[in-house]
Amino acid sequence: MSAKKAPLKTKKSQSTGSPTRMIVIGALLLVGVAGLGYLLYVSLQGPTPLAEILGLVEHGHQDRDHVEEEIAAGPLPPVGGSHSPNWQNCGIYDAPVKIENAVHSMEHGAVWLAYQPELAPEAVESLREVVRGEDFVLMSPYPGLQSPIVLTAWQVQLELDDAQDGRVIEFLDRYIQGPTMPERGAPCDGGLGTPIQ
């Protein structure tokens, strides 16, 4: 007696997966495409604009010629312009510095923190604490300054009454080696002057 052969099973066509699996894959693809679209949109918008610093005065184009003559002091430090071929070494000074040298330091990316010579000693020390160790800050008294404290960088300036004003740090963070500086990265040492700190 011959053994019966088991019936041959026919292969079913390859299934592409369960409907639930297909929905999950489709949803993941949709999320991925939406995420890429959002990233493309954000990159085309450019960087988020910085919040405005209250009281900041912006100035236009400044000359950058090197001149040998001294620059006369006005009620505010210049925000750029013609200046000495020699820059002032950055740091803290307890005596006024030459304007034409300080302007050259600003061209290199420094912020000049000028203060009235009669500013209270504790206010001066508070400002020194903020700038001590900063490579691109020039701090000095400025006779005849119209405000107690004036922060100046190339093309921008901020007048303040109080050393504890939070805008001091805000200005320094934004304008040390900031976007308005024509020669960012140029040195602020190896020039003229010996800071006390």
Foldseek 3Di string as FASTA:
>chain_A
DDDDDDDDDDDDPDDPDDPVVVVVVVVVVVVVVVVVVVVVVVVVVPDDDDDDDPQKDFADDEADAADDDADDDDLDQDQAYYAHPFAAAADEAAADDGSRRPNVLLLQQAKEKEFANPPDPVLVVLLNVVCPPPRRYHYYYDYNHPEGIKIHHRRMIGGDNGSPPPVVVVCCVARRLHDRRNNYPPHNPPGDDDHPD
